[in-house]
Amino acid sequence: MIRISILYPKEGRFDMDYYLHQHMPRSIELLSAGKGYRGVSVERGRSGTMPGSAPSFVAMCHYLFDTDEDFMAAFLPHAAELQGDMPNYTDIEPVIQLSEVAISR
């Protein structure tokens, strides 16, 4: 299983309401129809190591797919729409990482 992490560093504008109620429902609708889709989670940054300190990321989104190929097959047909929606919720350049899930319980 692989995890696709989309991390938004705390360095610009991020409209969490739009992201949660507009962008993510559409993203889930499109990507969950793909083969190998296993789920998604969205996290809101609360603090850094010390309570009350600034978080490193304002938001994080993590998709789970069986394989890299399954993710790419689900994402690429909708890439223009999903990436084109980004200016509606952020001006932050996300950090994206694909990882192999070694342990999941």
N, C-alpha and C. Protein backbone atom coordinates (compact mmCIF):
# COMPACT_ATOMS: atom_id res chain seq x y z
N MET A 1 0.86 -1.18 0.00
CA MET A 1 0.00 0.00 0.00
C MET A 1 0.90 1.23 0.00
N ILE A 2 0.43 2.28 -0.66
CA ILE A 2 1.18 3.54 -0.68
C ILE A 2 0.33 4.67 -0.12
N ARG A 3 1.03 5.67 0.42
CA ARG A 3 0.38 6.87 0.94
C ARG A 3 0.90 8.04 0.12
N ILE A 4 -0.04 8.82 -0.38
CA ILE A 4 0.31 10.05 -1.09
C ILE A 4 0.03 11.18 -0.11
N SER A 5 1.08 11.85 0.32
CA SER A 5 0.95 12.94 1.29
C SER A 5 1.10 14.27 0.58
N ILE A 6 0.13 15.14 0.80
CA ILE A 6 0.15 16.49 0.24
C ILE A 6 0.20 17.42 1.44
N LEU A 7 1.34 18.05 1.63
CA LEU A 7 1.61 18.85 2.83
C LEU A 7 1.68 20.33 2.46
N TYR A 8 0.96 21.14 3.20
CA TYR A 8 0.91 22.58 2.94
C TYR A 8 1.66 23.31 4.05
N PRO A 9 2.92 23.73 3.77
CA PRO A 9 3.69 24.46 4.78
C PRO A 9 2.97 25.74 5.21
N LYS A 10 3.17 26.12 6.46
CA LYS A 10 2.52 27.31 7.00
C LYS A 10 3.28 28.54 6.53
N GLU A 11 3.00 28.94 5.29
CA GLU A 11 3.74 30.06 4.72
C GLU A 11 2.91 30.96 3.82
N GLY A 12 1.62 30.81 3.85
CA GLY A 12 0.78 31.64 2.98
C GLY A 12 -0.69 31.51 3.34
N ARG A 13 -1.53 31.82 2.37
CA ARG A 13 -2.98 31.79 2.55
C ARG A 13 -3.50 30.37 2.39
N PHE A 14 -4.38 29.96 3.30
CA PHE A 14 -5.02 28.65 3.19
C PHE A 14 -6.43 28.76 3.75
N ASP A 15 -7.42 28.53 2.88
CA ASP A 15 -8.82 28.62 3.26
C ASP A 15 -9.31 27.21 3.61
N MET A 16 -9.24 26.86 4.88
CA MET A 16 -9.58 25.52 5.34
C MET A 16 -11.05 25.20 5.08
N ASP A 17 -11.93 26.18 5.22
CA ASP A 17 -13.35 25.94 4.99
C ASP A 17 -13.59 25.50 3.54
N TYR A 18 -13.01 26.23 2.61
CA TYR A 18 -13.16 25.87 1.20
C TYR A 18 -12.55 24.50 0.94
N TYR A 19 -11.37 24.27 1.47
CA TYR A 19 -10.67 23.00 1.26
C TYR A 19 -11.51 21.82 1.75
N LEU A 20 -12.06 21.93 2.96
CA LEU A 20 -12.82 20.83 3.55
C LEU A 20 -14.19 20.64 2.91
N HIS A 21 -14.84 21.73 2.51
CA HIS A 21 -16.23 21.63 2.06
C HIS A 21 -16.44 21.73 0.55
N GLN A 22 -15.40 22.12 -0.19
CA GLN A 22 -15.52 22.22 -1.64
C GLN A 22 -14.50 21.31 -2.34
N HIS A 23 -13.22 21.60 -2.09
CA HIS A 23 -12.16 20.88 -2.81
C HIS A 23 -12.11 19.39 -2.46
N MET A 24 -12.09 19.07 -1.18
CA MET A 24 -11.93 17.67 -0.80
C MET A 24 -13.12 16.79 -1.19
N PRO A 25 -14.36 17.23 -1.04
CA PRO A 25 -15.45 16.37 -1.52
C PRO A 25 -15.32 16.05 -3.01
N ARG A 26 -14.94 17.03 -3.82
CA ARG A 26 -14.77 16.78 -5.26
C ARG A 26 -13.57 15.86 -5.51
N SER A 27 -12.49 16.10 -4.81
CA SER A 27 -11.30 15.27 -4.94
C SER A 27 -11.61 13.82 -4.56
N ILE A 28 -12.32 13.64 -3.46
CA ILE A 28 -12.69 12.29 -3.01
C ILE A 28 -13.61 11.63 -4.03
N GLU A 29 -14.56 12.39 -4.55
CA GLU A 29 -15.48 11.84 -5.56
C GLU A 29 -14.71 11.30 -6.76
N LEU A 30 -13.74 12.07 -7.24
CA LEU A 30 -13.00 11.68 -8.43
C LEU A 30 -12.01 10.54 -8.15
N LEU A 31 -11.22 10.67 -7.10
CA LEU A 31 -10.17 9.69 -6.86
C LEU A 31 -10.68 8.38 -6.29
N SER A 32 -11.75 8.43 -5.51
CA SER A 32 -12.25 7.20 -4.90
C SER A 32 -12.86 6.26 -5.94
N ALA A 33 -13.15 6.76 -7.12
CA ALA A 33 -13.66 5.90 -8.19
C ALA A 33 -12.55 5.08 -8.83
N GLY A 34 -11.30 5.42 -8.50
CA GLY A 34 -10.17 4.73 -9.09
C GLY A 34 -9.90 3.37 -8.46
N LYS A 35 -9.31 2.49 -9.25
CA LYS A 35 -8.89 1.17 -8.78
C LYS A 35 -7.84 1.34 -7.68
N GLY A 36 -7.94 0.56 -6.65
CA GLY A 36 -6.93 0.55 -5.60
C GLY A 36 -7.07 1.64 -4.55
N TYR A 37 -8.11 2.46 -4.64
CA TYR A 37 -8.34 3.51 -3.63
C TYR A 37 -8.68 2.85 -2.29
N ARG A 38 -8.02 3.29 -1.22
CA ARG A 38 -8.23 2.72 0.11
C ARG A 38 -8.68 3.73 1.16
N GLY A 39 -8.61 5.02 0.85
CA GLY A 39 -9.09 6.01 1.81
C GLY A 39 -8.30 7.30 1.75
N VAL A 40 -8.76 8.25 2.56
CA VAL A 40 -8.13 9.56 2.62
C VAL A 40 -8.32 10.12 4.02
N SER A 41 -7.37 10.92 4.46
CA SER A 41 -7.54 11.67 5.71
C SER A 41 -7.00 13.08 5.47
N VAL A 42 -7.59 14.03 6.18
CA VAL A 42 -7.14 15.42 6.14
C VAL A 42 -6.85 15.84 7.56
N GLU A 43 -5.73 16.51 7.74
CA GLU A 43 -5.32 16.98 9.06
C GLU A 43 -5.11 18.48 9.02
N ARG A 44 -5.45 19.13 10.12
CA ARG A 44 -5.25 20.57 10.29
C ARG A 44 -4.12 20.75 11.31
N GLY A 45 -3.08 21.49 10.93
CA GLY A 45 -1.96 21.73 11.84
C GLY A 45 -2.41 22.54 13.05
N ARG A 46 -2.02 22.07 14.24
CA ARG A 46 -2.39 22.75 15.47
C ARG A 46 -1.20 23.42 16.16
N SER A 47 -0.09 22.71 16.25
CA SER A 47 1.09 23.30 16.86
C SER A 47 2.32 22.51 16.46
N GLY A 48 3.47 23.06 16.81
CA GLY A 48 4.72 22.36 16.60
C GLY A 48 5.00 21.46 17.80
N THR A 49 6.26 21.20 18.05
CA THR A 49 6.65 20.31 19.14
C THR A 49 6.13 20.79 20.48
N MET A 50 6.22 22.06 20.72
CA MET A 50 5.74 22.63 21.98
C MET A 50 4.31 23.14 21.80
N PRO A 51 3.43 22.79 22.72
CA PRO A 51 2.05 23.30 22.63
C PRO A 51 2.05 24.82 22.48
N GLY A 52 1.24 25.29 21.56
CA GLY A 52 1.15 26.73 21.33
C GLY A 52 2.14 27.26 20.31
N SER A 53 3.15 26.46 19.94
CA SER A 53 4.09 26.91 18.91
C SER A 53 3.45 26.70 17.53
N ALA A 54 3.96 27.39 16.55
CA ALA A 54 3.39 27.31 15.20
C ALA A 54 3.61 25.93 14.60
N PRO A 55 2.59 25.38 13.92
CA PRO A 55 2.78 24.09 13.25
C PRO A 55 3.66 24.26 12.02
N SER A 56 4.32 23.20 11.61
CA SER A 56 5.13 23.24 10.38
C SER A 56 4.24 23.27 9.15
N PHE A 57 3.06 22.64 9.25
CA PHE A 57 2.14 22.56 8.12
C PHE A 57 0.76 23.02 8.57
N VAL A 58 0.12 23.84 7.75
CA VAL A 58 -1.23 24.32 8.07
C VAL A 58 -2.25 23.22 7.80
N ALA A 59 -1.95 22.35 6.83
CA ALA A 59 -2.85 21.24 6.51
C ALA A 59 -2.06 20.13 5.85
N MET A 60 -2.60 18.92 5.96
CA MET A 60 -2.03 17.74 5.31
C MET A 60 -3.17 16.86 4.81
N CYS A 61 -2.98 16.29 3.66
CA CYS A 61 -3.94 15.35 3.09
C CYS A 61 -3.17 14.08 2.76
N HIS A 62 -3.74 12.94 3.12
CA HIS A 62 -3.07 11.66 2.88
C HIS A 62 -4.04 10.70 2.20
N TYR A 63 -3.74 10.33 0.98
CA TYR A 63 -4.51 9.33 0.25
C TYR A 63 -3.82 7.99 0.37
N LEU A 64 -4.61 6.91 0.43
CA LEU A 64 -4.07 5.56 0.41
C LEU A 64 -4.55 4.85 -0.86
N PHE A 65 -3.61 4.25 -1.58
CA PHE A 65 -3.89 3.45 -2.75
C PHE A 65 -3.06 2.17 -2.68
N ASP A 66 -3.48 1.17 -3.41
CA ASP A 66 -2.73 -0.08 -3.43
C ASP A 66 -1.34 0.11 -4.05
N THR A 67 -1.26 0.84 -5.15
CA THR A 67 0.02 1.01 -5.85
C THR A 67 0.16 2.44 -6.37
N ASP A 68 1.39 2.80 -6.71
CA ASP A 68 1.66 4.09 -7.35
C ASP A 68 0.86 4.21 -8.65
N GLU A 69 0.84 3.13 -9.39
CA GLU A 69 0.14 3.11 -10.68
C GLU A 69 -1.35 3.34 -10.51
N ASP A 70 -1.94 2.75 -9.47
CA ASP A 70 -3.37 2.97 -9.21
C ASP A 70 -3.63 4.45 -8.93
N PHE A 71 -2.77 5.06 -8.12
CA PHE A 71 -2.95 6.48 -7.82
C PHE A 71 -2.84 7.32 -9.08
N MET A 72 -1.79 7.09 -9.86
CA MET A 72 -1.59 7.90 -11.06
C MET A 72 -2.75 7.72 -12.04
N ALA A 73 -3.26 6.49 -12.17
CA ALA A 73 -4.39 6.24 -13.07
C ALA A 73 -5.64 6.96 -12.60
N ALA A 74 -5.82 7.08 -11.28
CA ALA A 74 -6.98 7.79 -10.74
C ALA A 74 -6.80 9.30 -10.83
N PHE A 75 -5.58 9.79 -10.61
CA PHE A 75 -5.32 11.22 -10.52
C PHE A 75 -5.18 11.91 -11.89
N LEU A 76 -4.39 11.34 -12.77
CA LEU A 76 -4.03 12.04 -14.01
C LEU A 76 -5.21 12.51 -14.84
N PRO A 77 -6.29 11.74 -14.99
CA PRO A 77 -7.41 12.25 -15.78
C PRO A 77 -8.09 13.49 -15.16
N HIS A 78 -7.85 13.72 -13.89
CA HIS A 78 -8.50 14.83 -13.18
C HIS A 78 -7.50 15.88 -12.68
N ALA A 79 -6.25 15.72 -13.05
CA ALA A 79 -5.19 16.61 -12.55
C ALA A 79 -5.48 18.08 -12.85
N ALA A 80 -5.89 18.38 -14.06
CA ALA A 80 -6.13 19.79 -14.43
C ALA A 80 -7.23 20.40 -13.57
N GLU A 81 -8.31 19.65 -13.36
CA GLU A 81 -9.41 20.17 -12.54
C GLU A 81 -8.97 20.38 -11.10
N LEU A 82 -8.33 19.38 -10.52
CA LEU A 82 -7.95 19.46 -9.10
C LEU A 82 -6.87 20.51 -8.86
N GLN A 83 -5.86 20.54 -9.72
CA GLN A 83 -4.81 21.54 -9.56
C GLN A 83 -5.33 22.93 -9.92
N GLY A 84 -6.25 23.01 -10.85
CA GLY A 84 -6.83 24.29 -11.22
C GLY A 84 -7.68 24.91 -10.12
N ASP A 85 -8.14 24.07 -9.19
CA ASP A 85 -8.95 24.55 -8.07
C ASP A 85 -8.09 25.12 -6.94
N MET A 86 -6.81 24.83 -6.95
CA MET A 86 -5.94 25.25 -5.85
C MET A 86 -5.98 26.75 -5.54
N PRO A 87 -5.98 27.66 -6.53
CA PRO A 87 -6.02 29.08 -6.20
C PRO A 87 -7.26 29.48 -5.40
N ASN A 88 -8.30 28.66 -5.42
CA ASN A 88 -9.50 28.96 -4.63
C ASN A 88 -9.29 28.76 -3.14
N TYR A 89 -8.28 27.99 -2.75
CA TYR A 89 -8.06 27.77 -1.32
C TYR A 89 -6.65 28.07 -0.83
N THR A 90 -5.68 28.20 -1.74
CA THR A 90 -4.33 28.45 -1.24
C THR A 90 -3.43 29.10 -2.28
N ASP A 91 -2.38 29.74 -1.79
CA ASP A 91 -1.29 30.22 -2.64
C ASP A 91 0.01 29.51 -2.24
N ILE A 92 -0.11 28.47 -1.45
CA ILE A 92 1.03 27.69 -0.95
C ILE A 92 1.38 26.60 -1.96
N GLU A 93 2.67 26.44 -2.23
CA GLU A 93 3.15 25.33 -3.06
C GLU A 93 3.26 24.10 -2.16
N PRO A 94 2.43 23.07 -2.39
CA PRO A 94 2.47 21.92 -1.49
C PRO A 94 3.72 21.07 -1.67
N VAL A 95 4.07 20.37 -0.61
CA VAL A 95 5.12 19.37 -0.64
C VAL A 95 4.40 18.04 -0.82
N ILE A 96 4.78 17.27 -1.82
CA ILE A 96 4.10 16.01 -2.12
C ILE A 96 5.09 14.87 -2.00
N GLN A 97 4.67 13.82 -1.33
CA GLN A 97 5.53 12.64 -1.17
C GLN A 97 4.70 11.38 -1.31
N LEU A 98 5.22 10.41 -2.06
CA LEU A 98 4.63 9.08 -2.14
C LEU A 98 5.48 8.17 -1.26
N SER A 99 4.83 7.44 -0.38
CA SER A 99 5.55 6.58 0.56
C SER A 99 4.94 5.19 0.55
N GLU A 100 5.78 4.21 0.77
CA GLU A 100 5.30 2.86 0.99
C GLU A 100 4.90 2.74 2.46
N VAL A 101 3.70 2.26 2.72
CA VAL A 101 3.24 2.08 4.11
C VAL A 101 3.86 0.79 4.62
N ALA A 102 4.72 0.90 5.62
CA ALA A 102 5.41 -0.26 6.17
C ALA A 102 4.63 -0.89 7.34
N ILE A 103 3.93 -0.06 8.11
CA ILE A 103 3.10 -0.54 9.22
C ILE A 103 1.81 0.27 9.23
N SER A 104 0.69 -0.42 9.33
CA SER A 104 -0.61 0.23 9.46
C SER A 104 -1.50 -0.68 10.28
N ARG A 105 -2.09 -0.15 11.31
CA ARG A 105 -2.95 -0.97 12.17
C ARG A 105 -4.27 -0.30 12.36
